[in-house]
Amino acid sequence: MATSSRKPAPNKVPSRRALPLAGYLQKILTARVYDVAIESALDAAPRLSARLKNHVLFKREDTQPVFSFKLRGAYNKMAHLSPEALARGVICASAGNHAQGVALSARKLGCKALVVMPTTTPSLKIAAVRALGAEVVLHGDSYSDAHARARALETERGLSFVHPFDDPDVIAGQGTIAMEILRQHQGPIDAIFVAIGGGGLVSGIAAYVKAVRPEIRIVGVQMNDSDAMLRSVRAGRRVELADVGLFSDGTAVKQVGAETFRLARRLVDDWVVVDTDAACAAIKDVFEDTRSILEPAGALGVAAIKQYVQKRHTKGETYVAITCGANMNFDRLRFVAERAEVGEEREALFAVTIPEERGSFRRFCALVGPRAVTEFNYRISDADVAHVFVGIATVDRAESARLKRHFTSHGFAALDLTGDELAKEHVRHMVGGRSALARDERLYRFVFPERPGALMRFLSSMPAGWNISLFHYRNQGADYGRILVGIQVPPADEQAFSDFLETLAYPCADETGNPAYRLFLQ
């Protein structure tokens, strides 16, 4: 949820680190970033803007050569090293994006780079760093673990450490993003939304904006399982988290920097905390406007704008989200697509209890009506009642409560699982198993056009004397839906069942003899 925080007095840090705002302004204006970085576009988001009734802009740092803003700070830091330091080489710790920035900068400057990355870093980022010519060492489960190892190797090998966020030159490099935003959009800007891991990006942006356009609000955005900066600001001191979530690996930092903490607690106006579902929904929002796919950290600013508008009921304001990274593992997209609908409040999940009697399954489907069914899982397990796991497309979160009342009033007890992590992560994939009640079961796989009413046509065409003992369906967004159905067909009804399949005219395959079915379901 969005929260506001009153700004306490600046935290005391060593004087050599406490650079005044005027000093940061000068460092940002003279930063060396464009040898490797581009001036990224500030793109309008027409679809999202129309939905939110506010003007939303994306600062497209996901389009940088390494698909992240991090090369700005890395190069600016390395470009200020002495020739002797560059000759010895550089080292950094990173979850991926800073690593790629350091590796590319090292190649441009002609020096060696050693990168220590957490073992949890997505393989896409590890491969990208190695492809840029850097040596990679994998160590620990988080950035903090990798940082400790990098510091030890720094001493052992006499290398120069390039910090990913807690360094004035790195902060100044990231601050060039704000310089570009204010040059690209000279009209009113109400707020800039910035994802926070260690705090380098928000510190650089806030330092420039507050020196030049102090009326613009800076909103810091954190994941609910990696909110070290917000906790530190509230505590008035740097707080180290015992653990961090890894979905948004680009912001998975246990402890923020001393200098970034000093700047953030002084300059950030508001805070928004988002969860995994909100990040997934924001990835989809950006895709719909740009046809680009962000990594979770890159979408946090967009997720925060949506929550900010929902809480404050704003209209007609102008917001900028820094889309700060696009290093997304392809195999994570399935999870993102599945959770985006819940995060966008466009899918409700229910556990519904229905009488285990002929026709009750069809009656329940009739109650669903014209709404799109996103998922249907059922396995016969009790002689008296059946428990169905169902997903239904909704307009907003309030509709799930209306649906629950609707089902209950018609005799179907319903449990709303829309916000249940166990259900969303695991239970939906585990409905099934063997059943002693599934006598004379025939297992068939059907393919039918993915259009409203297709499911009801299937159920309506089936003779009432046969019982459905297993049902699995998940809307995958394709033109054709696929369902797996177990039907209890007495031996005497073999010909009638064959006639039913022919009349139905849906492509199907008999899976009754499938060894996987026999091992796990029969």
Protein backbone atom coordinates (compact mmCIF):
# COMPACT_ATOMS: atom_id res chain seq x y z
CA MET A 1 0.00 0.00 0.00
CA ALA A 2 1.07 3.60 -0.40
CA THR A 3 2.35 5.40 2.65
CA SER A 4 3.72 8.83 3.38
CA SER A 5 6.67 9.50 5.62
CA ARG A 6 7.62 12.70 7.38
CA LYS A 7 11.28 13.44 6.61
CA PRO A 8 13.53 13.42 9.68
CA ALA A 9 16.75 15.33 9.97
CA PRO A 10 19.55 14.05 7.71
CA ASN A 11 21.44 11.08 9.08
CA LYS A 12 25.03 11.78 10.16
CA VAL A 13 27.63 10.08 7.95
CA PRO A 14 31.33 10.70 7.52
CA SER A 15 31.93 14.17 6.10
CA ARG A 16 33.76 12.81 3.07
CA ARG A 17 30.50 11.11 1.98
CA ALA A 18 28.10 13.94 2.88
CA LEU A 19 28.20 15.69 -0.49
CA PRO A 20 25.75 18.64 -0.58
CA LEU A 21 23.00 18.80 -3.21
CA ALA A 22 24.91 21.47 -5.12
CA GLY A 23 27.85 19.08 -5.27
CA TYR A 24 25.66 16.31 -6.69
CA LEU A 25 24.15 18.69 -9.21
CA GLN A 26 27.63 19.53 -10.49
CA LYS A 27 28.68 15.85 -10.57
CA ILE A 28 25.54 14.89 -12.50
CA LEU A 29 25.93 17.71 -15.02
CA THR A 30 29.53 16.65 -15.68
CA ALA A 31 29.02 12.88 -15.46
CA ARG A 32 30.61 10.70 -18.14
CA VAL A 33 27.95 8.22 -19.21
CA TYR A 34 27.31 8.68 -22.91
CA ASP A 35 30.39 6.78 -24.07
CA VAL A 36 28.32 3.66 -23.28
CA ALA A 37 24.77 4.78 -22.44
CA ILE A 38 22.05 6.23 -24.65
CA GLU A 39 19.61 8.99 -23.82
CA SER A 40 16.62 6.71 -23.31
CA ALA A 41 13.19 7.71 -24.54
CA LEU A 42 10.44 9.13 -22.35
CA ASP A 43 7.45 7.31 -23.82
CA ALA A 44 3.78 7.96 -23.26
CA ALA A 45 1.68 5.02 -22.02
CA PRO A 46 -1.70 5.69 -23.69
CA ARG A 47 -3.53 2.53 -22.57
CA LEU A 48 -2.46 2.78 -18.94
CA SER A 49 -3.03 6.54 -18.91
CA ALA A 50 -6.58 6.07 -20.15
CA ARG A 51 -7.31 3.44 -17.50
CA LEU A 52 -5.88 5.50 -14.65
CA LYS A 53 -7.19 8.85 -15.93
CA ASN A 54 -3.72 10.32 -15.40
CA HIS A 55 -0.86 10.98 -17.79
CA VAL A 56 1.71 8.18 -17.38
CA LEU A 57 5.18 8.27 -18.92
CA PHE A 58 7.81 5.51 -19.03
CA LYS A 59 11.49 6.46 -18.83
CA ARG A 60 12.81 3.59 -20.92
CA GLU A 61 16.02 2.58 -19.20
CA ASP A 62 15.17 -0.99 -20.21
CA THR A 63 16.38 -0.03 -23.70
CA GLN A 64 19.99 0.64 -22.65
CA PRO A 65 22.70 -1.54 -24.26
CA VAL A 66 22.66 -3.87 -21.22
CA PHE A 67 18.87 -3.50 -20.77
CA SER A 68 19.29 -1.60 -17.50
CA PHE A 69 20.24 1.84 -16.15
CA LYS A 70 23.16 0.40 -14.18
CA LEU A 71 25.83 1.04 -16.79
CA ARG A 72 25.47 4.80 -16.24
CA GLY A 73 26.78 4.71 -12.68
CA ALA A 74 29.29 1.94 -13.34
CA TYR A 75 30.91 3.74 -16.24
CA ASN A 76 30.92 7.12 -14.52
CA LYS A 77 32.73 5.59 -11.55
CA MET A 78 35.26 3.69 -13.68
CA ALA A 79 35.90 6.66 -15.97
CA HIS A 80 37.04 8.61 -12.89
CA LEU A 81 39.57 5.95 -11.80
CA SER A 82 43.27 6.63 -12.35
CA PRO A 83 45.05 4.87 -15.23
CA GLU A 84 46.99 2.85 -12.62
CA ALA A 85 43.77 1.63 -10.97
CA LEU A 86 42.25 0.68 -14.31
CA ALA A 87 45.40 -1.23 -15.21
CA ARG A 88 45.02 -3.36 -12.07
CA GLY A 89 41.39 -4.10 -12.91
CA VAL A 90 38.04 -3.67 -11.19
CA ILE A 91 35.73 -5.86 -9.12
CA CYS A 92 32.07 -5.60 -8.21
CA ALA A 93 29.26 -7.51 -6.53
CA SER A 94 25.93 -7.61 -8.31
CA ALA A 95 22.72 -9.54 -8.83
CA GLY A 96 23.14 -8.98 -12.56
CA ASN A 97 22.42 -5.54 -13.98
CA HIS A 98 25.30 -3.68 -12.31
CA ALA A 99 27.53 -6.59 -13.32
CA GLN A 100 26.67 -6.10 -16.96
CA GLY A 101 27.29 -2.37 -16.64
CA VAL A 102 30.73 -2.98 -15.12
CA ALA A 103 31.58 -5.62 -17.72
CA LEU A 104 30.60 -3.39 -20.65
CA SER A 105 32.41 -0.41 -19.12
CA ALA A 106 35.55 -2.51 -18.60
CA ARG A 107 35.50 -3.60 -22.21
CA LYS A 108 35.09 0.03 -23.32
CA LEU A 109 37.92 1.22 -21.04
CA GLY A 110 40.17 -1.73 -21.82
CA CYS A 111 40.52 -3.14 -18.30
CA LYS A 112 39.82 -6.49 -16.63
CA ALA A 113 36.67 -7.02 -14.56
CA LEU A 114 35.87 -9.61 -11.89
CA VAL A 115 32.20 -9.92 -10.97
CA VAL A 116 30.84 -11.71 -7.87
CA MET A 117 27.20 -12.67 -8.29
CA PRO A 118 24.76 -14.45 -5.93
CA THR A 119 24.06 -18.06 -6.84
CA THR A 120 20.39 -17.06 -7.19
CA THR A 121 21.11 -14.71 -10.11
CA PRO A 122 19.07 -15.57 -13.24
CA SER A 123 21.14 -17.51 -15.78
CA LEU A 124 20.33 -14.90 -18.43
CA LYS A 125 22.30 -12.27 -16.49
CA ILE A 126 25.23 -14.56 -15.73
CA ALA A 127 25.57 -15.49 -19.40
CA ALA A 128 25.33 -11.82 -20.42
CA VAL A 129 28.17 -10.82 -18.05
CA ARG A 130 30.43 -13.59 -19.30
CA ALA A 131 29.64 -12.69 -22.91
CA LEU A 132 30.95 -9.17 -22.21
CA GLY A 133 34.33 -10.62 -21.20
CA ALA A 134 34.17 -10.42 -17.40
CA GLU A 135 35.23 -13.19 -15.03
CA VAL A 136 32.28 -14.40 -12.91
CA VAL A 137 32.40 -15.84 -9.38
CA LEU A 138 29.13 -17.15 -7.91
CA HIS A 139 28.80 -16.82 -4.13
CA GLY A 140 25.97 -16.66 -1.57
CA ASP A 141 22.21 -16.29 -1.84
CA SER A 142 21.92 -12.49 -1.95
CA TYR A 143 23.72 -9.33 -2.95
CA SER A 144 25.02 -8.90 0.60
CA ASP A 145 26.69 -12.33 0.51
CA ALA A 146 28.27 -11.58 -2.86
CA HIS A 147 29.40 -8.15 -1.60
CA ALA A 148 31.29 -9.67 1.33
CA ARG A 149 33.10 -12.07 -0.98
CA ALA A 150 33.93 -9.31 -3.46
CA ARG A 151 35.46 -7.18 -0.71
CA ALA A 152 37.72 -10.06 0.27
CA LEU A 153 38.81 -10.61 -3.34
CA GLU A 154 39.38 -6.86 -3.73
CA THR A 155 42.08 -7.02 -1.08
CA GLU A 156 43.55 -10.31 -2.27
CA ARG A 157 43.97 -9.21 -5.88
CA GLY A 158 44.51 -5.46 -5.50
CA LEU A 159 41.46 -4.53 -7.54
CA SER A 160 39.34 -1.37 -7.47
CA PHE A 161 35.84 -1.94 -6.11
CA VAL A 162 32.93 -0.48 -8.11
CA HIS A 163 30.00 -0.25 -5.71
CA PRO A 164 26.56 -0.75 -7.28
CA PHE A 165 24.94 2.09 -5.35
CA ASP A 166 26.79 3.56 -2.35
CA ASP A 167 29.27 5.81 -4.17
CA PRO A 168 28.86 9.48 -5.18
CA ASP A 169 30.15 8.84 -8.71
CA VAL A 170 27.75 5.94 -9.18
CA ILE A 171 24.86 7.99 -7.75
CA ALA A 172 25.75 10.88 -10.08
CA GLY A 173 25.76 8.57 -13.08
CA GLN A 174 22.25 7.39 -12.27
CA GLY A 175 21.21 11.01 -11.72
CA THR A 176 21.68 11.72 -15.44
CA ILE A 177 18.33 9.94 -15.91
CA ALA A 178 16.58 12.80 -14.08
CA MET A 179 18.48 15.35 -16.14
CA GLU A 180 17.12 13.72 -19.30
CA ILE A 181 13.55 13.50 -17.95
CA LEU A 182 13.37 17.22 -17.16
CA ARG A 183 14.84 18.08 -20.54
CA GLN A 184 12.48 15.73 -22.41
CA HIS A 185 9.33 16.87 -20.58
CA GLN A 186 9.42 20.51 -19.62
CA GLY A 187 5.77 20.66 -18.60
CA PRO A 188 4.38 19.80 -15.17
CA ILE A 189 5.39 16.52 -13.55
CA ASP A 190 3.60 15.62 -10.35
CA ALA A 191 5.69 12.63 -9.28
CA ILE A 192 8.51 10.34 -10.37
CA PHE A 193 8.29 6.71 -9.21
CA VAL A 194 11.60 4.95 -8.62
CA ALA A 195 12.30 1.33 -7.66
CA ILE A 196 14.72 0.98 -4.75
CA GLY A 197 17.17 -1.80 -3.99
CA GLY A 198 20.32 -0.30 -2.52
CA GLY A 199 19.18 3.25 -3.28
CA GLY A 200 21.60 4.51 -5.93
CA LEU A 201 18.95 5.19 -8.55
CA VAL A 202 16.53 7.03 -6.29
CA SER A 203 19.38 9.00 -4.69
CA GLY A 204 20.69 10.24 -8.04
CA ILE A 205 17.27 11.10 -9.41
CA ALA A 206 16.15 12.81 -6.20
CA ALA A 207 19.39 14.79 -5.86
CA TYR A 208 18.97 16.30 -9.33
CA VAL A 209 15.20 16.84 -9.21
CA LYS A 210 15.21 18.48 -5.78
CA ALA A 211 17.99 20.83 -6.87
CA VAL A 212 16.25 21.86 -10.09
CA ARG A 213 12.49 21.16 -9.74
CA PRO A 214 11.82 20.67 -6.01
CA GLU A 215 8.03 20.71 -6.50
CA ILE A 216 8.17 17.31 -8.19
CA ARG A 217 7.48 14.51 -5.71
CA ILE A 218 9.90 11.60 -5.55
CA VAL A 219 8.16 8.33 -4.69
CA GLY A 220 10.32 5.42 -3.60
CA VAL A 221 9.03 1.94 -4.46
CA GLN A 222 9.96 -1.29 -2.72
CA MET A 223 8.88 -4.93 -2.78
CA ASN A 224 7.11 -6.02 0.39
CA ASP A 225 9.75 -8.70 0.95
CA SER A 226 12.79 -6.49 0.22
CA ASP A 227 11.99 -3.16 1.86
CA ALA A 228 15.28 -2.36 3.61
CA MET A 229 15.23 1.34 2.67
CA LEU A 230 11.72 2.02 3.94
CA ARG A 231 12.38 0.16 7.18
CA SER A 232 15.59 2.12 7.62
CA VAL A 233 13.87 5.48 7.06
CA ARG A 234 11.18 4.59 9.58
CA ALA A 235 13.77 3.42 12.13
CA GLY A 236 16.03 6.43 11.60
CA ARG A 237 19.01 4.15 11.01
CA ARG A 238 20.11 1.58 8.47
CA VAL A 239 18.33 -1.71 9.07
CA GLU A 240 19.69 -5.01 7.80
CA LEU A 241 17.07 -7.53 6.74
CA ALA A 242 17.54 -11.14 7.77
CA ASP A 243 16.32 -12.29 4.38
CA VAL A 244 15.01 -10.83 1.13
CA GLY A 245 12.59 -12.04 -1.53
CA LEU A 246 14.16 -13.02 -4.83
CA PHE A 247 11.33 -12.54 -7.33
CA SER A 248 12.52 -8.97 -7.91
CA ASP A 249 16.19 -9.94 -7.83
CA GLY A 250 17.27 -6.49 -9.03
CA THR A 251 16.07 -4.94 -5.75
CA ALA A 252 16.92 -7.84 -3.40
CA VAL A 253 19.26 -5.96 -1.04
CA LYS A 254 19.48 -6.74 2.68
CA GLN A 255 21.03 -3.39 3.68
CA VAL A 256 21.07 -0.08 1.83
CA GLY A 257 24.12 2.15 1.56
CA ALA A 258 25.10 4.82 4.09
CA GLU A 259 25.11 7.62 1.52
CA THR A 260 21.99 6.43 -0.27
CA PHE A 261 20.19 6.20 3.08
CA ARG A 262 21.22 9.77 3.92
CA LEU A 263 19.90 11.06 0.61
CA ALA A 264 16.74 8.97 0.47
CA ARG A 265 15.52 9.83 3.97
CA ARG A 266 16.08 13.50 3.20
CA LEU A 267 14.77 13.69 -0.37
CA VAL A 268 12.15 10.98 -0.96
CA ASP A 269 8.64 12.37 -0.41
CA ASP A 270 6.48 9.24 -0.38
CA TRP A 271 6.77 5.48 -0.34
CA VAL A 272 4.81 2.70 -1.99
CA VAL A 273 5.22 -1.01 -1.20
CA VAL A 274 4.07 -3.52 -3.83
CA ASP A 275 3.76 -7.30 -3.88
CA THR A 276 4.55 -9.98 -6.44
CA ASP A 277 1.11 -9.98 -8.03
CA ALA A 278 1.19 -6.19 -8.49
CA ALA A 279 4.63 -6.43 -10.13
CA CYS A 280 3.38 -9.14 -12.50
CA ALA A 281 0.35 -7.05 -13.44
CA ALA A 282 2.63 -4.06 -14.10
CA ILE A 283 4.82 -6.14 -16.42
CA LYS A 284 1.69 -6.89 -18.41
CA ASP A 285 0.65 -3.21 -18.39
CA VAL A 286 3.98 -2.14 -19.86
CA PHE A 287 3.83 -4.90 -22.46
CA GLU A 288 0.38 -3.77 -23.58
CA ASP A 289 1.65 -0.21 -24.13
CA THR A 290 5.15 -0.90 -25.46
CA ARG A 291 5.31 -4.59 -26.49
CA SER A 292 8.38 -4.80 -24.26
CA ILE A 293 8.82 -7.20 -21.34
CA LEU A 294 10.36 -5.81 -18.15
CA GLU A 295 12.01 -7.71 -15.34
CA PRO A 296 10.15 -7.43 -12.00
CA ALA A 297 12.37 -4.62 -10.65
CA GLY A 298 11.82 -2.68 -13.88
CA ALA A 299 8.06 -2.74 -13.39
CA LEU A 300 7.89 -1.64 -9.75
CA GLY A 301 7.44 2.04 -10.60
CA VAL A 302 4.46 1.22 -12.80
CA ALA A 303 2.89 -0.96 -10.10
CA ALA A 304 3.34 1.88 -7.62
CA ILE A 305 1.64 4.44 -9.86
CA LYS A 306 -1.45 2.23 -9.98
CA GLN A 307 -1.58 1.92 -6.18
CA TYR A 308 -0.87 5.63 -5.72
CA VAL A 309 -3.77 6.58 -8.00
CA GLN A 310 -6.10 4.05 -6.38
CA LYS A 311 -5.41 5.41 -2.90
CA ARG A 312 -5.38 9.13 -3.72
CA HIS A 313 -8.10 9.10 -6.43
CA THR A 314 -6.08 11.49 -8.59
CA LYS A 315 -7.05 12.60 -12.08
CA GLY A 316 -5.20 14.54 -14.73
CA GLU A 317 -1.78 14.42 -13.05
CA THR A 318 1.48 13.51 -14.77
CA TYR A 319 3.56 10.61 -13.46
CA VAL A 320 6.88 9.17 -14.62
CA ALA A 321 7.89 5.58 -13.92
CA ILE A 322 11.51 4.54 -14.41
CA THR A 323 11.32 1.24 -16.30
CA CYS A 324 14.76 0.41 -15.05
CA GLY A 325 15.46 -3.09 -16.36
CA ALA A 326 14.45 -5.81 -18.81
CA ASN A 327 16.73 -8.73 -17.96
CA MET A 328 13.92 -11.25 -17.62
CA ASN A 329 14.44 -15.01 -17.74
CA PHE A 330 12.12 -16.46 -20.37
CA ASP A 331 11.07 -19.36 -18.15
CA ARG A 332 9.69 -16.89 -15.59
CA LEU A 333 7.09 -15.58 -18.03
CA ARG A 334 4.64 -18.40 -17.29
CA PHE A 335 4.54 -17.40 -13.64
CA VAL A 336 4.22 -13.71 -14.51
CA ALA A 337 1.31 -14.33 -16.89
CA GLU A 338 -0.52 -16.47 -14.35
CA ARG A 339 -0.14 -14.04 -11.47
CA ALA A 340 -0.76 -10.89 -13.54
CA GLU A 341 -4.51 -11.48 -13.69
CA VAL A 342 -4.79 -11.72 -9.91
CA GLY A 343 -2.50 -8.71 -9.47
CA GLU A 344 -4.65 -6.72 -11.87
CA GLU A 345 -7.75 -7.90 -9.97
CA ARG A 346 -9.04 -9.55 -13.14
CA GLU A 347 -9.20 -13.11 -11.80
CA ALA A 348 -10.93 -14.50 -8.73
CA LEU A 349 -10.14 -17.95 -7.35
CA PHE A 350 -12.66 -20.07 -5.44
CA ALA A 351 -12.98 -23.42 -3.76
CA VAL A 352 -16.60 -24.42 -4.31
CA THR A 353 -18.38 -27.35 -2.68
CA ILE A 354 -21.12 -28.93 -4.77
CA PRO A 355 -23.31 -31.98 -4.14
CA GLU A 356 -21.89 -35.15 -5.70
CA GLU A 357 -24.98 -35.85 -7.76
CA ARG A 358 -25.88 -35.91 -11.40
CA GLY A 359 -26.31 -32.48 -12.96
CA SER A 360 -24.80 -30.43 -10.11
CA PHE A 361 -21.64 -29.70 -12.10
CA ARG A 362 -23.72 -28.35 -14.95
CA ARG A 363 -25.89 -26.28 -12.58
CA PHE A 364 -22.79 -24.67 -11.11
CA CYS A 365 -21.46 -23.81 -14.57
CA ALA A 366 -24.80 -22.20 -15.36
CA LEU A 367 -24.34 -19.94 -12.31
CA VAL A 368 -20.99 -18.79 -13.66
CA GLY A 369 -22.95 -17.59 -16.67
CA PRO A 370 -21.22 -15.63 -19.46
CA ARG A 371 -18.13 -14.90 -17.37
CA ALA A 372 -14.91 -16.36 -18.75
CA VAL A 373 -13.65 -19.37 -16.77
CA THR A 374 -9.87 -19.16 -16.44
CA GLU A 375 -9.38 -22.45 -14.62
CA PHE A 376 -11.38 -25.47 -13.56
CA ASN A 377 -9.90 -28.31 -11.49
CA TYR A 378 -11.89 -31.17 -10.00
CA ARG A 379 -11.35 -34.78 -8.94
CA ILE A 380 -14.02 -37.03 -7.47
CA SER A 381 -13.05 -37.87 -3.88
CA ASP A 382 -16.23 -38.13 -1.81
CA ALA A 383 -19.52 -39.87 -2.34
CA ASP A 384 -21.57 -36.96 -1.04
CA VAL A 385 -19.82 -33.70 -2.06
CA ALA A 386 -17.34 -32.47 -4.64
CA HIS A 387 -14.72 -29.73 -4.18
CA VAL A 388 -13.99 -27.68 -7.27
CA PHE A 389 -11.11 -25.22 -7.71
CA VAL A 390 -12.25 -22.55 -10.16
CA GLY A 391 -10.83 -19.32 -11.55
CA ILE A 392 -13.17 -16.72 -13.04
CA ALA A 393 -12.32 -13.57 -14.98
CA THR A 394 -13.54 -10.48 -13.12
CA VAL A 395 -13.75 -6.74 -13.65
CA ASP A 396 -12.43 -5.77 -10.23
CA ARG A 397 -11.62 -7.23 -6.80
CA ALA A 398 -15.10 -6.39 -5.48
CA GLU A 399 -16.62 -8.82 -7.96
CA SER A 400 -15.10 -11.82 -6.16
CA ALA A 401 -17.21 -11.02 -3.08
CA ARG A 402 -20.32 -10.70 -5.25
CA LEU A 403 -19.60 -14.05 -6.90
CA LYS A 404 -19.13 -15.74 -3.55
CA ARG A 405 -22.53 -14.49 -2.36
CA HIS A 406 -24.07 -15.56 -5.68
CA PHE A 407 -22.76 -19.13 -5.37
CA THR A 408 -23.71 -19.42 -1.70
CA SER A 409 -27.24 -18.18 -2.26
CA HIS A 410 -27.77 -20.97 -4.80
CA GLY A 411 -26.59 -23.71 -2.46
CA PHE A 412 -22.91 -23.92 -3.41
CA ALA A 413 -20.64 -23.14 -0.46
CA ALA A 414 -17.69 -21.06 -1.73
CA LEU A 415 -14.37 -20.04 -0.25
CA ASP A 416 -12.66 -17.01 -1.83
CA LEU A 417 -8.99 -17.94 -2.42
CA THR A 418 -8.03 -14.89 -4.49
CA GLY A 419 -5.59 -13.64 -1.85
CA ASP A 420 -4.42 -17.05 -0.62
CA GLU A 421 -0.73 -17.61 -1.41
CA LEU A 422 -0.90 -21.37 -0.84
CA ALA A 423 -3.76 -21.68 -3.29
CA LYS A 424 -2.11 -19.48 -5.93
CA GLU A 425 1.33 -21.06 -5.64
CA HIS A 426 0.59 -24.72 -5.06
CA VAL A 427 -2.94 -26.01 -4.51
CA ARG A 428 -4.16 -25.03 -7.99
CA HIS A 429 -1.57 -27.42 -9.46
CA MET A 430 -2.26 -30.27 -7.04
CA VAL A 431 -5.99 -30.87 -7.42
CA GLY A 432 -6.39 -34.49 -8.48
CA GLY A 433 -4.89 -37.82 -7.59
CA ARG A 434 -6.26 -41.34 -7.44
CA SER A 435 -9.84 -42.04 -6.41
CA ALA A 436 -11.49 -45.34 -5.51
CA LEU A 437 -14.81 -43.80 -6.56
CA ALA A 438 -13.76 -43.33 -10.19
CA ARG A 439 -15.08 -46.68 -11.45
CA ASP A 440 -15.52 -47.17 -15.21
CA GLU A 441 -13.59 -43.95 -15.80
CA ARG A 442 -12.65 -42.99 -19.33
CA LEU A 443 -10.05 -40.23 -19.68
CA TYR A 444 -10.23 -37.94 -22.69
CA ARG A 445 -8.34 -34.87 -23.82
CA PHE A 446 -10.50 -32.35 -25.75
CA VAL A 447 -9.63 -29.28 -27.80
CA PHE A 448 -12.31 -26.66 -28.40
CA PRO A 449 -12.45 -23.06 -29.66
CA GLU A 450 -11.69 -20.64 -26.82
CA ARG A 451 -14.93 -18.69 -26.91
CA PRO A 452 -17.76 -17.95 -24.45
CA GLY A 453 -20.17 -20.84 -24.11
CA ALA A 454 -17.88 -23.59 -25.40
CA LEU A 455 -17.60 -25.18 -21.97
CA MET A 456 -21.36 -25.14 -21.43
CA ARG A 457 -21.91 -26.64 -24.88
CA PHE A 458 -19.68 -29.53 -23.89
CA LEU A 459 -21.53 -30.13 -20.62
CA SER A 460 -25.00 -29.70 -22.14
CA SER A 461 -24.34 -32.22 -24.88
CA MET A 462 -23.30 -34.96 -22.47
CA PRO A 463 -26.06 -37.43 -21.49
CA ALA A 464 -27.21 -36.98 -17.90
CA GLY A 465 -26.49 -40.59 -16.95
CA TRP A 466 -22.70 -40.16 -17.01
CA ASN A 467 -20.80 -38.63 -14.14
CA ILE A 468 -17.77 -36.37 -14.53
CA SER A 469 -15.09 -37.75 -12.20
CA LEU A 470 -12.17 -35.51 -13.22
CA PHE A 471 -12.00 -32.13 -14.89
CA HIS A 472 -8.98 -29.94 -15.59
CA TYR A 473 -8.97 -26.76 -17.63
CA ARG A 474 -6.71 -23.70 -17.67
CA ASN A 475 -7.08 -20.74 -20.02
CA GLN A 476 -3.64 -20.30 -21.58
CA GLY A 477 -4.57 -17.29 -23.71
CA ALA A 478 -4.56 -19.28 -26.95
CA ASP A 479 -7.28 -19.52 -29.59
CA TYR A 480 -8.05 -23.07 -28.52
CA GLY A 481 -8.81 -24.35 -25.04
CA ARG A 482 -7.72 -27.75 -23.78
CA ILE A 483 -9.52 -29.76 -21.16
CA LEU A 484 -8.85 -33.13 -19.58
CA VAL A 485 -12.03 -34.94 -18.56
CA GLY A 486 -12.71 -38.15 -16.71
CA ILE A 487 -16.16 -39.58 -17.45
CA GLN A 488 -17.64 -42.62 -15.75
CA VAL A 489 -19.12 -44.66 -18.61
CA PRO A 490 -20.67 -48.05 -17.79
CA PRO A 491 -19.60 -50.82 -20.23
CA ALA A 492 -23.16 -51.03 -21.54
CA ASP A 493 -22.94 -47.42 -22.75
CA GLU A 494 -19.89 -47.82 -25.02
CA GLN A 495 -21.84 -47.19 -28.24
CA ALA A 496 -23.69 -44.22 -26.76
CA PHE A 497 -20.37 -42.75 -25.64
CA SER A 498 -18.92 -43.14 -29.14
CA ASP A 499 -21.99 -41.41 -30.58
CA PHE A 500 -21.54 -38.58 -28.06
CA LEU A 501 -17.94 -37.99 -29.12
CA GLU A 502 -18.93 -37.91 -32.77
CA THR A 503 -21.82 -35.53 -32.15
CA LEU A 504 -19.68 -33.20 -30.06
CA ALA A 505 -17.33 -32.57 -33.02
CA TYR A 506 -14.44 -31.42 -30.83
CA PRO A 507 -11.00 -32.92 -31.55
CA CYS A 508 -10.23 -35.42 -28.79
CA ALA A 509 -7.80 -38.14 -27.77
CA ASP A 510 -8.43 -41.20 -25.60
CA GLU A 511 -5.89 -41.08 -22.75
CA THR A 512 -7.33 -43.95 -20.70
CA GLY A 513 -4.32 -46.12 -21.50
CA ASN A 514 -1.76 -43.36 -20.89
CA PRO A 515 0.90 -44.63 -18.43
CA ALA A 516 1.06 -41.25 -16.64
CA TYR A 517 -2.67 -41.48 -15.98
CA ARG A 518 -2.32 -45.02 -14.66
CA LEU A 519 0.57 -44.09 -12.39
CA PHE A 520 -0.86 -40.94 -10.84
CA LEU A 521 -4.61 -40.70 -11.38
CA GLN A 522 -6.20 -44.09 -11.87
